[in-house]
């Protein structure tokens, strides 16, 4: 079994609202909800094997108030009470606070040293917590203008793609776009990462493993709205669909959450965000893995779900 949580977005700030101005965000309270999640996970029997933190652990507000390091420290202290490893995806809010180069030297870097390809500063990696079971952590901002130096080749490549698809002055605005996912707060997967991902899944096919994939951005339109998808989600999907081993894709980013079972029998689960969860509720879960299914025991806004494979 393992824990799942997304979009904590902690900041030591009064409640606010989303960019639309009507969805309440409980910045300070989110740390308390994380504490409650950690306490609940710590009492699980048998104990959890690990926890997946699906990105946006602290909010972009921290960058404006100069609180980024302190806020991250508070989140990591709470997660550090868990007696098991926590695997982190990086989301857009991480990059509002830190450069990619800086994030590597924080507790959000859960990629093992010497993890091998993909090359460059891509954060993708995989691990096997049990026999014939593998988890792949994807880097959904490998293609992105967030967190990168403007003179880097990857930044220039990402900006070119973004401006090609989004003629708006404000690159965070999806207004009028045929493909509204091409906004600055999203990103995508480089070809190098997709090639690496394909090789990992090939290995898992050959060894008859079941694979769970996680990343900050959803990759299926039926488990997301049209805005919150990864830029080149179809490319990631086509890699997954060319193999037998993937049973589930876990994402955050869309605070409402989402779910679908796709045409190839892969479960796409987008977790509700802690940040928009009122203080009397919560938004985390535990996933129990069996030979032929996974059972999600959700808390608060996250509902129970049985995912057969």
Foldseek 3Di string as FASTA:
>chain_A
DEKEAEQLAADPDCWAAPPVGPFIFHRPLSLVLLLVVLVVQQPDPVHHQEYEYAENNHALVCQVVVCLVVSVVSSVVSVVVHPHYYAYAYFLRVLSRAALVVCCVDPNLPQDPPQDDDDDSFSWHKDASDQLEIEIEGHFAQQACGRDDCVDPSNVVSVVVLCVQDVDPQQQDLPPGPQQQSGRRGEHHDPSRLVVVLVVLVVSQVRNHAYEYEHAAFLDCQFAPSHRHRPPSVSNVVSVLVHLRYAEYEYERHQLWGWDQDPNRHIYTYWHHQRSADSVWGTMWDWDDDPFWIWTPTTGSDHTDIRGD
